[in-house]
Amino acid sequence: FFAALQIELSRIATALGVRATADLVGRADLLVQTRGTALVDLTRLLEPVEWSPPGRRDVRIVAGVAAETVMADAEQALAAGHRFVGTETSGAIARVRIAGAAADPVASTFREGSVAGNGFAAYATDGVALTVRGGAQDGAAKTALGGAVAILKARNGRGQLVDGAVGKCFAYGAQRGRFLVQGGADARAAIRLSGAEVVFGGDLRGFAFEYMTGGAAVVLGDPGRWICSGMSGGVVYLRHDPARGLDDAALHDRLAKGAKVHLRAPRDEDLPALGDLLASYVDALQDSGQADAATAVGALLADPASNFRVVRPGAEITDQTISTE
């Protein structure tokens, strides 16, 4: 079979005028759309890409805000159709820095009541700061390499603060950056977190912090079931609140079966990172006019040994017979 396949590929390559099939790599100009033309036009995908020598590429300079319409109009209310808001800006800033130039920081606060679509602030980079008073759907801040994101509650028609929640896989694989969520998060929040910092003010839905390798997270609500599966680095601070049923036994019960972690009261070396993260969260609450909520969160640091528990990896995961899914 493979011998026949090699002969046929050689015949096609010869007919196209090349000596080896390797010479066809990247030659999209040789492709022709032969069917489905009434359904989709692939012309732009088949256009040849102009190559430029390294170091001589033209770079578009970002001044303030890149060409994302929704980013340029931060007073616009975000909705489900506004996907990957902030991603294009982050990419433009990254390309400028790769070229050795400076890029202006970008900061946007969107209209109260916004609920951003999938991928909000995905692939964010340093210099991008986005605030939404409402919520965000799945994949927000995923694979972030810096930046700051705050998802805060908004007032409804009765003046009550509601939402501030995010969808599935918030901050998936985030390597840098600081991300604040006042509400809850759907399943698999902060999985594969590898250096970023996250604060959750509400409840999580399960499977949080899977395969976490670095960074820090604070959960002020219920962390949900089956957390820290495959966790090998970083630290998670959990709210210890027996009055709500979150005592030591309950928190142990939240850990995934087979998770190689240990849970304990915070020590002196744990407090600086915890205090720094909560201070950022308190500032965000204050800036959004939630003075009472900010005061309540700040008061938790008066007795961290009673109010928090720390989860850290206890041993390297080497036994492949233990499933951590």
Protein backbone atom coordinates (compact mmCIF):
# COMPACT_ATOMS: atom_id res chain seq x y z
CA PHE A 1 0.00 0.00 0.00
CA PHE A 2 2.63 2.52 1.03
CA ALA A 3 4.82 1.66 -1.97
CA ALA A 4 1.88 2.33 -4.27
CA LEU A 5 1.14 5.55 -2.41
CA GLN A 6 4.75 6.68 -2.87
CA ILE A 7 4.59 5.96 -6.61
CA GLU A 8 1.34 7.89 -6.99
CA LEU A 9 2.68 10.88 -5.04
CA SER A 10 5.82 10.88 -7.17
CA ARG A 11 3.70 10.90 -10.31
CA ILE A 12 1.65 13.85 -9.07
CA ALA A 13 4.75 15.78 -7.99
CA THR A 14 6.36 15.23 -11.40
CA ALA A 15 3.22 16.44 -13.15
CA LEU A 16 3.36 19.60 -11.05
CA GLY A 17 6.97 20.23 -12.01
CA VAL A 18 8.67 19.64 -8.65
CA ARG A 19 11.47 17.24 -7.80
CA ALA A 20 10.22 16.18 -4.37
CA THR A 21 6.93 16.24 -2.52
CA ALA A 22 8.63 18.30 0.20
CA ASP A 23 8.76 21.16 -2.31
CA LEU A 24 4.97 21.26 -2.24
CA VAL A 25 4.81 22.32 1.41
CA GLY A 26 3.14 25.71 1.65
CA ARG A 27 2.25 25.82 -2.06
CA ALA A 28 -1.41 26.74 -1.57
CA ASP A 29 -1.31 28.41 -4.99
CA LEU A 30 -1.34 24.95 -6.56
CA LEU A 31 -4.66 24.05 -4.95
CA VAL A 32 -7.96 24.50 -6.76
CA GLN A 33 -11.41 24.29 -5.21
CA THR A 34 -13.31 21.67 -7.20
CA ARG A 35 -16.54 21.30 -5.26
CA GLY A 36 -18.74 23.06 -2.75
CA THR A 37 -18.26 26.36 -4.55
CA ALA A 38 -21.88 27.27 -3.94
CA LEU A 39 -21.45 26.71 -0.20
CA VAL A 40 -18.12 28.34 0.62
CA ASP A 41 -15.52 30.37 -1.25
CA LEU A 42 -11.96 29.26 -0.42
CA THR A 43 -10.23 31.79 -2.68
CA ARG A 44 -8.65 33.78 0.16
CA LEU A 45 -7.36 30.63 1.85
CA LEU A 46 -5.62 29.57 -1.35
CA GLU A 47 -3.87 32.87 -2.03
CA PRO A 48 -0.06 32.64 -1.78
CA VAL A 49 1.52 34.22 1.29
CA GLU A 50 4.21 36.79 0.60
CA TRP A 51 7.45 35.93 2.34
CA SER A 52 9.77 38.56 3.76
CA PRO A 53 13.28 37.99 5.15
CA PRO A 54 13.63 37.86 8.95
CA GLY A 55 14.10 41.31 10.45
CA ARG A 56 12.53 43.08 7.47
CA ARG A 57 8.86 42.42 8.15
CA ASP A 58 6.53 45.40 8.14
CA VAL A 59 5.04 45.97 11.59
CA ARG A 60 1.87 47.87 12.31
CA ILE A 61 2.31 50.08 15.35
CA VAL A 62 -0.45 49.93 17.93
CA ALA A 63 -1.33 53.33 19.36
CA GLY A 64 -3.67 53.05 22.31
CA VAL A 65 -6.27 50.64 20.95
CA ALA A 66 -5.98 48.31 17.98
CA ALA A 67 -8.52 48.03 15.21
CA GLU A 68 -11.10 46.07 17.14
CA THR A 69 -14.32 48.01 16.80
CA VAL A 70 -15.66 46.81 20.11
CA MET A 71 -12.40 47.70 21.86
CA ALA A 72 -12.48 51.17 20.36
CA ASP A 73 -16.00 51.67 21.71
CA ALA A 74 -15.79 50.49 25.29
CA GLU A 75 -19.17 52.08 26.03
CA GLN A 76 -20.72 49.40 23.86
CA ALA A 77 -22.50 46.61 25.73
CA LEU A 78 -20.95 43.22 25.04
CA ALA A 79 -23.19 40.31 24.07
CA ALA A 80 -22.80 36.64 23.12
CA GLY A 81 -21.84 37.57 19.57
CA HIS A 82 -18.79 39.51 20.75
CA ARG A 83 -16.27 36.67 20.79
CA PHE A 84 -12.54 36.89 21.51
CA VAL A 85 -12.73 40.54 22.52
CA GLY A 86 -9.22 41.71 23.31
CA THR A 87 -7.48 38.89 21.44
CA GLU A 88 -6.67 40.90 18.31
CA THR A 89 -5.34 43.75 20.43
CA SER A 90 -3.13 41.37 22.40
CA GLY A 91 -1.76 39.88 19.19
CA ALA A 92 -0.97 43.31 17.76
CA ILE A 93 0.84 44.33 20.95
CA ALA A 94 2.82 41.09 20.97
CA ARG A 95 3.95 41.57 17.37
CA VAL A 96 5.12 45.10 18.13
CA ARG A 97 7.19 43.85 21.06
CA ILE A 98 8.66 41.02 19.01
CA ALA A 99 9.85 43.65 16.55
CA GLY A 100 11.57 45.49 19.40
CA ALA A 101 9.18 48.45 19.51
CA ALA A 102 7.08 49.79 22.38
CA ALA A 103 3.31 49.43 22.52
CA ASP A 104 0.93 51.59 24.52
CA PRO A 105 -1.10 49.77 27.20
CA VAL A 106 -4.79 49.20 26.58
CA ALA A 107 -7.43 49.49 29.31
CA SER A 108 -11.17 49.15 28.67
CA THR A 109 -14.18 48.94 30.97
CA PHE A 110 -17.31 47.83 29.16
CA ARG A 111 -20.84 49.00 29.78
CA GLU A 112 -22.53 47.61 32.87
CA GLY A 113 -24.67 44.59 32.08
CA SER A 114 -22.32 43.25 29.41
CA VAL A 115 -21.94 39.50 29.02
CA ALA A 116 -18.99 38.85 26.73
CA GLY A 117 -19.08 35.96 24.27
CA ASN A 118 -16.71 33.00 24.14
CA GLY A 119 -12.99 33.65 24.36
CA PHE A 120 -13.12 37.04 26.08
CA ALA A 121 -9.50 38.15 26.67
CA ALA A 122 -8.22 34.85 25.27
CA TYR A 123 -4.45 34.93 24.66
CA ALA A 124 -4.22 38.22 26.56
CA THR A 125 -0.77 39.72 26.98
CA ASP A 126 0.89 42.20 29.31
CA GLY A 127 -0.44 45.70 28.81
CA VAL A 128 -4.06 44.67 28.26
CA ALA A 129 -6.52 45.36 31.10
CA LEU A 130 -10.20 44.58 30.58
CA THR A 131 -13.11 44.98 32.99
CA VAL A 132 -16.63 43.68 32.45
CA ARG A 133 -19.50 44.35 34.83
CA GLY A 134 -21.79 41.52 33.97
CA GLY A 135 -20.22 38.24 32.92
CA ALA A 136 -18.33 36.25 30.31
CA GLN A 137 -18.99 32.96 28.54
CA ASP A 138 -16.71 29.96 27.96
CA GLY A 139 -12.97 30.18 27.43
CA ALA A 140 -12.38 33.63 28.91
CA ALA A 141 -8.69 34.44 29.51
CA LYS A 142 -7.61 31.07 28.16
CA THR A 143 -3.91 30.62 27.40
CA ALA A 144 -3.25 34.16 28.62
CA LEU A 145 0.35 35.32 28.64
CA GLY A 146 -0.23 38.35 30.85
CA GLY A 147 -2.71 41.14 31.26
CA ALA A 148 -5.44 41.84 33.78
CA VAL A 149 -9.11 40.89 33.61
CA ALA A 150 -11.91 41.64 36.07
CA ILE A 151 -15.38 40.11 35.73
CA LEU A 152 -17.59 41.88 38.26
CA LYS A 153 -21.26 41.88 39.18
CA ALA A 154 -23.69 44.32 37.61
CA ARG A 155 -26.92 45.83 38.90
CA ASN A 156 -30.18 44.49 37.56
CA GLY A 157 -33.41 46.42 37.08
CA ARG A 158 -34.04 46.32 40.83
CA GLY A 159 -30.63 47.66 41.66
CA GLN A 160 -29.38 44.30 42.94
CA LEU A 161 -25.86 43.13 42.18
CA VAL A 162 -26.00 39.92 40.15
CA ASP A 163 -23.90 37.63 37.93
CA GLY A 164 -20.18 38.42 37.66
CA ALA A 165 -19.75 34.82 36.55
CA VAL A 166 -17.77 33.07 33.82
CA GLY A 167 -18.31 29.95 31.74
CA LYS A 168 -16.27 26.80 31.34
CA CYS A 169 -12.46 26.59 31.31
CA PHE A 170 -11.77 30.09 32.61
CA ALA A 171 -8.04 30.93 32.38
CA TYR A 172 -7.26 27.56 30.78
CA GLY A 173 -3.48 27.18 30.60
CA ALA A 174 -2.84 30.80 31.57
CA GLN A 175 0.87 31.43 32.10
CA ARG A 176 0.88 35.00 33.35
CA GLY A 177 -1.57 37.71 34.31
CA ARG A 178 -4.05 38.42 37.09
CA PHE A 179 -7.71 37.55 36.66
CA LEU A 180 -10.53 38.41 39.06
CA VAL A 181 -14.01 36.88 38.99
CA GLN A 182 -16.55 38.13 41.50
CA GLY A 183 -19.18 35.51 40.73
CA GLY A 184 -18.89 31.81 40.12
CA ALA A 185 -17.30 29.75 37.37
CA ASP A 186 -18.51 26.76 35.40
CA ALA A 187 -16.61 23.48 35.19
CA ARG A 188 -12.85 23.16 34.83
CA ALA A 189 -11.92 26.63 35.97
CA ALA A 190 -8.18 27.37 35.84
CA ILE A 191 -7.21 23.93 34.56
CA ARG A 192 -3.59 23.63 33.46
CA LEU A 193 -2.92 26.96 35.16
CA SER A 194 0.82 27.45 34.80
CA GLY A 195 1.80 30.77 36.32
CA ALA A 196 -1.18 33.14 36.26
CA GLU A 197 -3.04 34.36 39.35
CA VAL A 198 -6.81 34.02 39.77
CA VAL A 199 -9.39 35.04 42.37
CA PHE A 200 -12.90 33.57 42.39
CA GLY A 201 -15.41 35.29 44.63
CA GLY A 202 -18.17 32.73 44.09
CA ASP A 203 -18.72 28.99 43.73
CA LEU A 204 -17.02 26.72 41.19
CA ARG A 205 -18.80 23.89 39.41
CA GLY A 206 -16.21 21.11 39.56
CA PHE A 207 -12.90 19.82 38.21
CA ALA A 208 -11.12 23.11 38.93
CA PHE A 209 -7.32 23.33 38.88
CA GLU A 210 -6.78 20.07 36.99
CA TYR A 211 -3.13 19.57 36.01
CA MET A 212 -2.15 22.89 37.55
CA THR A 213 1.62 23.37 37.30
CA GLY A 214 2.14 26.90 38.63
CA GLY A 215 0.55 30.15 39.69
CA ALA A 216 -1.89 30.89 42.49
CA ALA A 217 -5.65 30.87 42.94
CA VAL A 218 -8.04 31.98 45.67
CA VAL A 219 -11.58 30.62 45.99
CA LEU A 220 -13.87 32.51 48.36
CA GLY A 221 -16.87 30.28 47.63
CA ASP A 222 -17.36 26.54 47.33
CA PRO A 223 -14.52 25.14 45.16
CA GLY A 224 -16.72 22.36 43.79
CA ARG A 225 -16.02 18.65 43.53
CA TRP A 226 -13.02 16.78 42.14
CA ILE A 227 -10.56 19.67 42.34
CA CYS A 228 -6.78 19.61 41.92
CA SER A 229 -6.69 16.40 39.91
CA GLY A 230 -3.15 15.97 38.58
CA MET A 231 -1.96 19.17 40.27
CA SER A 232 1.85 19.27 40.33
CA GLY A 233 2.66 22.92 41.10
CA GLY A 234 1.32 26.25 42.29
CA VAL A 235 -0.94 26.94 45.25
CA VAL A 236 -4.69 27.16 45.81
CA TYR A 237 -6.20 29.07 48.74
CA LEU A 238 -9.63 27.80 49.76
CA ARG A 239 -12.13 29.59 51.96
CA HIS A 240 -12.51 27.79 55.29
CA ASP A 241 -16.05 28.58 56.41
CA PRO A 242 -17.62 25.97 58.74
CA ALA A 243 -20.79 28.07 59.02
CA ARG A 244 -21.39 27.41 55.35
CA GLY A 245 -20.38 23.77 55.55
CA LEU A 246 -16.85 24.34 54.26
CA ASP A 247 -14.94 22.83 57.17
CA ASP A 248 -11.76 20.76 56.85
CA ALA A 249 -13.65 17.53 56.22
CA ALA A 250 -15.77 19.12 53.49
CA LEU A 251 -12.74 20.67 51.80
CA HIS A 252 -10.93 17.32 51.86
CA ASP A 253 -14.02 15.81 50.28
CA ARG A 254 -13.76 18.33 47.44
CA LEU A 255 -10.35 16.98 46.39
CA ALA A 256 -10.24 14.57 43.48
CA LYS A 257 -9.61 10.93 44.21
CA GLY A 258 -5.94 10.24 43.57
CA ALA A 259 -4.93 13.92 43.75
CA LYS A 260 -1.37 14.10 45.07
CA VAL A 261 -1.88 17.19 47.21
CA HIS A 262 -2.12 18.14 50.85
CA LEU A 263 -4.46 20.60 52.55
CA ARG A 264 -3.46 22.59 55.62
CA ALA A 265 -3.85 25.91 57.41
CA PRO A 266 -1.78 28.75 55.92
CA ARG A 267 1.71 29.40 57.26
CA ASP A 268 3.70 32.61 57.31
CA GLU A 269 5.22 31.90 53.91
CA ASP A 270 1.74 31.56 52.39
CA LEU A 271 0.43 34.93 53.55
CA PRO A 272 2.20 37.42 51.22
CA ALA A 273 0.76 35.89 48.04
CA LEU A 274 -2.69 35.52 49.60
CA GLY A 275 -2.66 39.11 50.84
CA ASP A 276 -1.50 40.47 47.49
CA LEU A 277 -4.22 38.67 45.54
CA LEU A 278 -6.98 39.68 47.93
CA ALA A 279 -5.73 43.29 47.91
CA SER A 280 -6.15 43.39 44.12
CA TYR A 281 -9.62 41.93 44.44
CA VAL A 282 -10.57 44.46 47.14
CA ASP A 283 -9.34 47.31 44.93
CA ALA A 284 -11.48 46.06 42.03
CA LEU A 285 -14.54 45.91 44.27
CA GLN A 286 -13.87 49.41 45.58
CA ASP A 287 -13.44 50.79 42.07
CA SER A 288 -16.81 49.32 41.07
CA GLY A 289 -18.60 51.00 43.98
CA GLN A 290 -18.93 47.89 46.15
CA ALA A 291 -17.46 49.24 49.36
CA ASP A 292 -19.30 46.81 51.65
CA ALA A 293 -18.18 43.77 49.67
CA ALA A 294 -14.61 45.08 49.64
CA THR A 295 -14.64 45.54 53.40
CA ALA A 296 -15.95 42.02 53.96
CA VAL A 297 -13.21 40.48 51.83
CA GLY A 298 -10.48 42.57 53.45
CA ALA A 299 -11.63 41.47 56.90
CA LEU A 300 -10.78 37.85 56.08
CA LEU A 301 -7.08 38.67 56.32
CA ALA A 302 -7.45 39.55 59.99
CA ASP A 303 -7.40 35.82 60.78
CA PRO A 304 -6.12 33.91 57.74
CA ALA A 305 -5.44 30.75 59.75
CA SER A 306 -9.15 30.43 60.50
CA ASN A 307 -10.50 31.75 57.21
CA PHE A 308 -8.38 29.87 54.68
CA ARG A 309 -6.82 26.55 53.85
CA VAL A 310 -3.91 25.98 51.49
CA VAL A 311 -3.65 23.26 48.85
CA ARG A 312 -0.20 22.42 47.55
CA PRO A 313 1.18 19.41 45.67
CA GLY A 314 2.35 16.76 48.07
CA ALA A 315 4.28 14.50 45.71
CA GLU A 316 5.19 14.14 42.07
CA ILE A 317 2.64 12.15 40.09
CA THR A 318 4.51 9.18 38.61
CA ASP A 319 2.06 6.32 39.05
CA GLN A 320 0.36 6.08 35.66
CA THR A 321 -2.17 3.56 37.01
CA ILE A 322 -3.91 6.35 38.92
CA SER A 323 -6.43 8.14 36.74
CA THR A 324 -6.65 11.85 37.42
CA GLU A 325 -9.34 12.61 34.85
